[in-house]
Amino acid sequence: MTRIVADASALAAVIFQEPGFESVAARLEGATVCAPELLRFELANVAVTKARKHPAQAGQILAALDEGLDRRSGIQWHPVNVTDVAVLGRLTNLTAYDGAYLWLAGWLEADLVTLDKRLAAVAGLASEIVD
């Protein structure tokens, strides 16, 4: 089974049905989805931002977050080496957050799925970005 590291941009698209979610969902289909623990907080922040912009939909937004992070989602959570992530961020000029996904993909020898153009470019995935 293929292992994939999915970042917040990719999983937020799927969870909240954002543009590009169909192609991300197709990439994740049948794969083992892996992520660093920080993904939980990044997705929670996406939900907070959405709920602030659309207060009438806050309940639906939080329900989507809960469902997306539910144990049944099958996400395998992994720790990352923060020192390695900091070095990687410094070398690539990425944030430590993006570096965590890149580091984990390398450590697991997994594909990285992202809608973040800068992260994808650093990872050499420019041809796989969904516009």
N, C-alpha and C. Protein backbone atom coordinates (compact mmCIF):
# COMPACT_ATOMS: atom_id res chain seq x y z
N MET A 1 0.84 -1.18 0.00
CA MET A 1 0.00 0.00 0.00
C MET A 1 0.89 1.25 0.00
N THR A 2 0.53 2.22 -0.79
CA THR A 2 1.29 3.46 -0.90
C THR A 2 1.11 4.31 0.35
N ARG A 3 2.23 4.84 0.85
CA ARG A 3 2.16 5.79 1.97
C ARG A 3 2.25 7.20 1.41
N ILE A 4 1.39 8.05 1.95
CA ILE A 4 1.35 9.44 1.53
C ILE A 4 1.38 10.33 2.76
N VAL A 5 2.20 11.37 2.72
CA VAL A 5 2.15 12.41 3.73
C VAL A 5 1.31 13.53 3.13
N ALA A 6 0.21 13.86 3.80
CA ALA A 6 -0.68 14.92 3.33
C ALA A 6 -0.53 16.11 4.27
N ASP A 7 -0.38 17.30 3.69
CA ASP A 7 -0.23 18.49 4.51
C ASP A 7 -1.59 19.13 4.78
N ALA A 8 -1.57 20.23 5.51
CA ALA A 8 -2.82 20.90 5.91
C ALA A 8 -3.58 21.43 4.70
N SER A 9 -2.87 21.93 3.70
CA SER A 9 -3.59 22.46 2.53
C SER A 9 -4.37 21.36 1.82
N ALA A 10 -3.78 20.18 1.73
CA ALA A 10 -4.44 19.07 1.05
C ALA A 10 -5.62 18.54 1.87
N LEU A 11 -5.41 18.30 3.15
CA LEU A 11 -6.49 17.73 3.96
C LEU A 11 -7.59 18.75 4.26
N ALA A 12 -7.23 20.02 4.38
CA ALA A 12 -8.27 21.04 4.57
C ALA A 12 -9.17 21.09 3.33
N ALA A 13 -8.57 20.96 2.16
CA ALA A 13 -9.37 20.95 0.93
C ALA A 13 -10.39 19.82 0.95
N VAL A 14 -9.96 18.64 1.39
CA VAL A 14 -10.87 17.49 1.44
C VAL A 14 -11.91 17.67 2.54
N ILE A 15 -11.47 18.01 3.73
CA ILE A 15 -12.39 18.12 4.87
C ILE A 15 -13.44 19.19 4.66
N PHE A 16 -13.02 20.34 4.12
CA PHE A 16 -13.94 21.47 3.98
C PHE A 16 -14.42 21.67 2.54
N GLN A 17 -14.18 20.67 1.68
CA GLN A 17 -14.66 20.69 0.29
C GLN A 17 -14.22 21.97 -0.44
N GLU A 18 -12.94 22.29 -0.33
CA GLU A 18 -12.38 23.48 -0.97
C GLU A 18 -11.93 23.14 -2.38
N PRO A 19 -11.66 24.17 -3.20
CA PRO A 19 -11.19 23.91 -4.56
C PRO A 19 -9.97 22.98 -4.57
N GLY A 20 -10.00 22.03 -5.48
CA GLY A 20 -8.92 21.07 -5.60
C GLY A 20 -9.13 19.80 -4.80
N PHE A 21 -10.22 19.73 -4.02
CA PHE A 21 -10.39 18.57 -3.14
C PHE A 21 -10.56 17.27 -3.91
N GLU A 22 -11.15 17.33 -5.10
CA GLU A 22 -11.39 16.09 -5.86
C GLU A 22 -10.08 15.40 -6.23
N SER A 23 -9.12 16.18 -6.71
CA SER A 23 -7.85 15.57 -7.11
C SER A 23 -7.05 15.10 -5.90
N VAL A 24 -7.16 15.82 -4.79
CA VAL A 24 -6.48 15.37 -3.56
C VAL A 24 -7.12 14.07 -3.09
N ALA A 25 -8.44 14.02 -3.06
CA ALA A 25 -9.13 12.81 -2.62
C ALA A 25 -8.75 11.62 -3.50
N ALA A 26 -8.61 11.85 -4.78
CA ALA A 26 -8.20 10.77 -5.69
C ALA A 26 -6.80 10.28 -5.37
N ARG A 27 -5.88 11.20 -5.02
CA ARG A 27 -4.51 10.81 -4.65
C ARG A 27 -4.48 10.02 -3.35
N LEU A 28 -5.39 10.35 -2.43
CA LEU A 28 -5.40 9.68 -1.13
C LEU A 28 -6.12 8.33 -1.16
N GLU A 29 -6.96 8.14 -2.15
CA GLU A 29 -7.76 6.92 -2.25
C GLU A 29 -6.88 5.68 -2.23
N GLY A 30 -7.12 4.80 -1.29
CA GLY A 30 -6.39 3.54 -1.19
C GLY A 30 -5.00 3.65 -0.58
N ALA A 31 -4.58 4.85 -0.21
CA ALA A 31 -3.24 5.04 0.36
C ALA A 31 -3.31 5.08 1.88
N THR A 32 -2.19 4.83 2.50
CA THR A 32 -2.05 5.05 3.93
C THR A 32 -1.64 6.50 4.11
N VAL A 33 -2.51 7.29 4.74
CA VAL A 33 -2.25 8.72 4.91
C VAL A 33 -1.51 8.94 6.23
N CYS A 34 -0.37 9.60 6.15
CA CYS A 34 0.47 9.87 7.31
C CYS A 34 0.58 11.38 7.49
N ALA A 35 0.76 11.80 8.74
CA ALA A 35 0.88 13.23 9.01
C ALA A 35 1.56 13.44 10.35
N PRO A 36 2.24 14.59 10.48
CA PRO A 36 2.77 14.96 11.80
C PRO A 36 1.62 15.43 12.69
N GLU A 37 1.81 15.33 13.98
CA GLU A 37 0.78 15.75 14.94
C GLU A 37 0.34 17.20 14.73
N LEU A 38 1.22 18.05 14.24
CA LEU A 38 0.87 19.46 14.08
C LEU A 38 -0.29 19.65 13.11
N LEU A 39 -0.58 18.67 12.26
CA LEU A 39 -1.70 18.78 11.33
C LEU A 39 -3.01 19.03 12.07
N ARG A 40 -3.19 18.39 13.21
CA ARG A 40 -4.42 18.59 13.99
C ARG A 40 -4.64 20.07 14.30
N PHE A 41 -3.57 20.75 14.70
CA PHE A 41 -3.67 22.15 15.08
C PHE A 41 -3.82 23.06 13.86
N GLU A 42 -3.15 22.71 12.78
CA GLU A 42 -3.31 23.50 11.57
C GLU A 42 -4.74 23.41 11.04
N LEU A 43 -5.32 22.23 11.08
CA LEU A 43 -6.70 22.07 10.63
C LEU A 43 -7.67 22.74 11.59
N ALA A 44 -7.38 22.70 12.88
CA ALA A 44 -8.22 23.40 13.85
C ALA A 44 -8.18 24.90 13.57
N ASN A 45 -7.02 25.42 13.22
CA ASN A 45 -6.91 26.84 12.90
C ASN A 45 -7.70 27.19 11.63
N VAL A 46 -7.68 26.32 10.65
CA VAL A 46 -8.49 26.53 9.45
C VAL A 46 -9.96 26.62 9.84
N ALA A 47 -10.39 25.70 10.72
CA ALA A 47 -11.79 25.69 11.16
C ALA A 47 -12.14 26.97 11.91
N VAL A 48 -11.26 27.43 12.77
CA VAL A 48 -11.50 28.67 13.52
C VAL A 48 -11.65 29.85 12.56
N THR A 49 -10.76 29.94 11.59
CA THR A 49 -10.81 31.02 10.61
C THR A 49 -12.11 30.98 9.81
N LYS A 50 -12.49 29.79 9.36
CA LYS A 50 -13.74 29.63 8.60
C LYS A 50 -14.95 29.98 9.47
N ALA A 51 -14.95 29.53 10.71
CA ALA A 51 -16.09 29.80 11.61
C ALA A 51 -16.22 31.30 11.90
N ARG A 52 -15.10 32.00 11.98
CA ARG A 52 -15.15 33.45 12.19
C ARG A 52 -15.73 34.16 10.97
N LYS A 53 -15.34 33.70 9.79
CA LYS A 53 -15.83 34.32 8.56
C LYS A 53 -17.30 33.99 8.30
N HIS A 54 -17.71 32.81 8.73
CA HIS A 54 -19.06 32.32 8.46
C HIS A 54 -19.69 31.80 9.75
N PRO A 55 -20.01 32.69 10.69
CA PRO A 55 -20.51 32.25 12.00
C PRO A 55 -21.79 31.41 11.93
N ALA A 56 -22.61 31.64 10.94
CA ALA A 56 -23.84 30.85 10.82
C ALA A 56 -23.55 29.39 10.47
N GLN A 57 -22.37 29.12 9.93
CA GLN A 57 -21.98 27.76 9.53
C GLN A 57 -20.99 27.13 10.50
N ALA A 58 -20.76 27.76 11.64
CA ALA A 58 -19.75 27.28 12.59
C ALA A 58 -19.98 25.84 13.00
N GLY A 59 -21.21 25.47 13.25
CA GLY A 59 -21.51 24.10 13.65
C GLY A 59 -21.13 23.10 12.58
N GLN A 60 -21.43 23.40 11.34
CA GLN A 60 -21.09 22.52 10.22
C GLN A 60 -19.57 22.44 10.04
N ILE A 61 -18.92 23.56 10.19
CA ILE A 61 -17.46 23.61 10.03
C ILE A 61 -16.79 22.76 11.09
N LEU A 62 -17.21 22.90 12.33
CA LEU A 62 -16.63 22.11 13.42
C LEU A 62 -16.96 20.63 13.28
N ALA A 63 -18.15 20.32 12.80
CA ALA A 63 -18.52 18.92 12.56
C ALA A 63 -17.64 18.31 11.47
N ALA A 64 -17.37 19.08 10.41
CA ALA A 64 -16.50 18.60 9.34
C ALA A 64 -15.08 18.34 9.87
N LEU A 65 -14.61 19.25 10.72
CA LEU A 65 -13.29 19.07 11.33
C LEU A 65 -13.26 17.79 12.17
N ASP A 66 -14.26 17.63 13.00
CA ASP A 66 -14.33 16.45 13.87
C ASP A 66 -14.36 15.16 13.04
N GLU A 67 -15.17 15.15 12.02
CA GLU A 67 -15.27 13.98 11.16
C GLU A 67 -13.96 13.72 10.42
N GLY A 68 -13.33 14.79 9.94
CA GLY A 68 -12.08 14.65 9.20
C GLY A 68 -10.93 14.14 10.03
N LEU A 69 -10.95 14.44 11.33
CA LEU A 69 -9.88 14.00 12.22
C LEU A 69 -10.25 12.78 13.05
N ASP A 70 -11.45 12.29 12.88
CA ASP A 70 -11.93 11.14 13.62
C ASP A 70 -10.99 9.95 13.40
N ARG A 71 -10.89 9.11 14.38
CA ARG A 71 -10.03 7.92 14.28
C ARG A 71 -10.35 7.09 13.04
N ARG A 72 -11.58 7.11 12.61
CA ARG A 72 -11.96 6.34 11.42
C ARG A 72 -11.36 6.90 10.15
N SER A 73 -10.81 8.10 10.21
CA SER A 73 -10.21 8.69 9.01
C SER A 73 -8.98 7.90 8.57
N GLY A 74 -8.39 7.17 9.49
CA GLY A 74 -7.24 6.33 9.15
C GLY A 74 -5.91 7.05 9.06
N ILE A 75 -5.85 8.29 9.49
CA ILE A 75 -4.58 9.02 9.46
C ILE A 75 -3.63 8.39 10.47
N GLN A 76 -2.42 8.11 10.03
CA GLN A 76 -1.38 7.63 10.93
C GLN A 76 -0.57 8.83 11.38
N TRP A 77 -0.55 9.07 12.68
CA TRP A 77 0.13 10.23 13.25
C TRP A 77 1.56 9.88 13.61
N HIS A 78 2.49 10.79 13.27
CA HIS A 78 3.91 10.53 13.49
C HIS A 78 4.58 11.72 14.16
N PRO A 79 5.53 11.44 15.04
CA PRO A 79 6.36 12.53 15.58
C PRO A 79 7.38 12.92 14.52
N VAL A 80 7.89 14.12 14.65
CA VAL A 80 8.97 14.56 13.75
C VAL A 80 10.15 15.00 14.59
N ASN A 81 11.32 14.96 14.00
CA ASN A 81 12.53 15.43 14.67
C ASN A 81 12.60 16.93 14.48
N VAL A 82 12.33 17.69 15.55
CA VAL A 82 12.24 19.15 15.41
C VAL A 82 13.56 19.80 15.03
N THR A 83 14.67 19.23 15.45
CA THR A 83 15.96 19.79 15.06
C THR A 83 16.17 19.62 13.56
N ASP A 84 15.88 18.44 13.05
CA ASP A 84 15.99 18.20 11.61
C ASP A 84 15.04 19.11 10.83
N VAL A 85 13.84 19.31 11.37
CA VAL A 85 12.85 20.17 10.71
C VAL A 85 13.36 21.61 10.67
N ALA A 86 13.97 22.08 11.77
CA ALA A 86 14.53 23.44 11.81
C ALA A 86 15.66 23.59 10.79
N VAL A 87 16.52 22.61 10.70
CA VAL A 87 17.61 22.65 9.72
C VAL A 87 17.03 22.65 8.30
N LEU A 88 16.07 21.81 8.06
CA LEU A 88 15.43 21.74 6.74
C LEU A 88 14.76 23.06 6.39
N GLY A 89 14.07 23.65 7.36
CA GLY A 89 13.44 24.95 7.13
C GLY A 89 14.45 26.02 6.77
N ARG A 90 15.55 26.00 7.48
CA ARG A 90 16.62 26.98 7.21
C ARG A 90 17.22 26.78 5.82
N LEU A 91 17.44 25.53 5.44
CA LEU A 91 18.06 25.24 4.15
C LEU A 91 17.12 25.51 2.97
N THR A 92 15.83 25.32 3.18
CA THR A 92 14.86 25.44 2.08
C THR A 92 14.10 26.76 2.10
N ASN A 93 14.24 27.51 3.19
CA ASN A 93 13.49 28.75 3.38
C ASN A 93 11.99 28.49 3.54
N LEU A 94 11.64 27.29 3.98
CA LEU A 94 10.26 26.96 4.30
C LEU A 94 10.01 27.26 5.77
N THR A 95 8.75 27.35 6.16
CA THR A 95 8.42 27.44 7.58
C THR A 95 8.72 26.08 8.21
N ALA A 96 8.83 26.07 9.52
CA ALA A 96 9.02 24.81 10.22
C ALA A 96 7.79 23.91 10.02
N TYR A 97 6.62 24.54 9.90
CA TYR A 97 5.40 23.75 9.68
C TYR A 97 5.48 22.98 8.37
N ASP A 98 5.82 23.68 7.28
CA ASP A 98 5.95 23.01 5.99
C ASP A 98 7.12 22.03 6.00
N GLY A 99 8.19 22.43 6.70
CA GLY A 99 9.35 21.54 6.81
C GLY A 99 9.00 20.22 7.49
N ALA A 100 8.07 20.25 8.41
CA ALA A 100 7.67 19.02 9.11
C ALA A 100 7.07 18.01 8.14
N TYR A 101 6.25 18.49 7.21
CA TYR A 101 5.65 17.58 6.22
C TYR A 101 6.71 17.05 5.27
N LEU A 102 7.60 17.93 4.83
CA LEU A 102 8.67 17.52 3.93
C LEU A 102 9.60 16.52 4.61
N TRP A 103 9.95 16.80 5.86
CA TRP A 103 10.82 15.89 6.61
C TRP A 103 10.16 14.53 6.77
N LEU A 104 8.88 14.52 7.17
CA LEU A 104 8.18 13.26 7.39
C LEU A 104 8.09 12.44 6.11
N ALA A 105 7.80 13.11 4.99
CA ALA A 105 7.74 12.39 3.72
C ALA A 105 9.09 11.74 3.40
N GLY A 106 10.16 12.46 3.65
CA GLY A 106 11.49 11.89 3.42
C GLY A 106 11.81 10.75 4.37
N TRP A 107 11.47 10.93 5.64
CA TRP A 107 11.76 9.92 6.65
C TRP A 107 10.98 8.63 6.37
N LEU A 108 9.73 8.77 5.93
CA LEU A 108 8.91 7.60 5.63
C LEU A 108 9.09 7.08 4.21
N GLU A 109 9.87 7.82 3.40
CA GLU A 109 10.00 7.51 1.99
C GLU A 109 8.62 7.44 1.34
N ALA A 110 7.82 8.47 1.66
CA ALA A 110 6.43 8.54 1.20
C ALA A 110 6.26 9.69 0.23
N ASP A 111 5.20 9.62 -0.55
CA ASP A 111 4.85 10.73 -1.43
C ASP A 111 4.28 11.86 -0.57
N LEU A 112 4.50 13.09 -1.01
CA LEU A 112 3.95 14.26 -0.33
C LEU A 112 2.81 14.80 -1.19
N VAL A 113 1.65 15.01 -0.58
CA VAL A 113 0.51 15.59 -1.27
C VAL A 113 0.23 16.94 -0.64
N THR A 114 0.27 17.98 -1.48
CA THR A 114 0.07 19.35 -1.01
C THR A 114 -0.57 20.17 -2.11
N LEU A 115 -1.28 21.21 -1.72
CA LEU A 115 -1.77 22.20 -2.67
C LEU A 115 -0.97 23.49 -2.54
N ASP A 116 0.03 23.48 -1.66
CA ASP A 116 0.89 24.63 -1.41
C ASP A 116 1.97 24.67 -2.48
N LYS A 117 1.92 25.67 -3.33
CA LYS A 117 2.84 25.74 -4.47
C LYS A 117 4.30 25.84 -4.04
N ARG A 118 4.56 26.59 -3.01
CA ARG A 118 5.95 26.76 -2.57
C ARG A 118 6.51 25.45 -2.01
N LEU A 119 5.74 24.79 -1.16
CA LEU A 119 6.18 23.51 -0.60
C LEU A 119 6.36 22.49 -1.72
N ALA A 120 5.42 22.45 -2.64
CA ALA A 120 5.52 21.50 -3.75
C ALA A 120 6.75 21.77 -4.60
N ALA A 121 7.06 23.03 -4.83
CA ALA A 121 8.23 23.36 -5.63
C ALA A 121 9.51 22.90 -4.95
N VAL A 122 9.62 23.13 -3.65
CA VAL A 122 10.79 22.68 -2.91
C VAL A 122 10.89 21.16 -2.93
N ALA A 123 9.75 20.49 -2.85
CA ALA A 123 9.73 19.03 -2.86
C ALA A 123 9.87 18.45 -4.26
N GLY A 124 9.91 19.31 -5.27
CA GLY A 124 10.02 18.83 -6.64
C GLY A 124 8.72 18.29 -7.19
N LEU A 125 7.60 18.82 -6.70
CA LEU A 125 6.28 18.31 -7.11
C LEU A 125 5.51 19.31 -7.95
N ALA A 126 6.17 20.27 -8.55
CA ALA A 126 5.48 21.34 -9.25
C ALA A 126 4.46 20.80 -10.26
N SER A 127 4.73 19.67 -10.88
CA SER A 127 3.81 19.14 -11.88
C SER A 127 2.57 18.51 -11.24
N GLU A 128 2.59 18.30 -9.93
CA GLU A 128 1.47 17.63 -9.28
C GLU A 128 0.54 18.59 -8.55
N ILE A 129 0.78 19.87 -8.62
CA ILE A 129 -0.06 20.83 -7.93
C ILE A 129 -1.34 21.04 -8.70
N VAL A 130 -2.42 21.11 -7.98
CA VAL A 130 -3.72 21.36 -8.58
C VAL A 130 -3.98 22.86 -8.52
N ASP A 131 -4.35 23.44 -9.64
CA ASP A 131 -4.68 24.87 -9.65
C ASP A 131 -6.16 25.06 -9.44
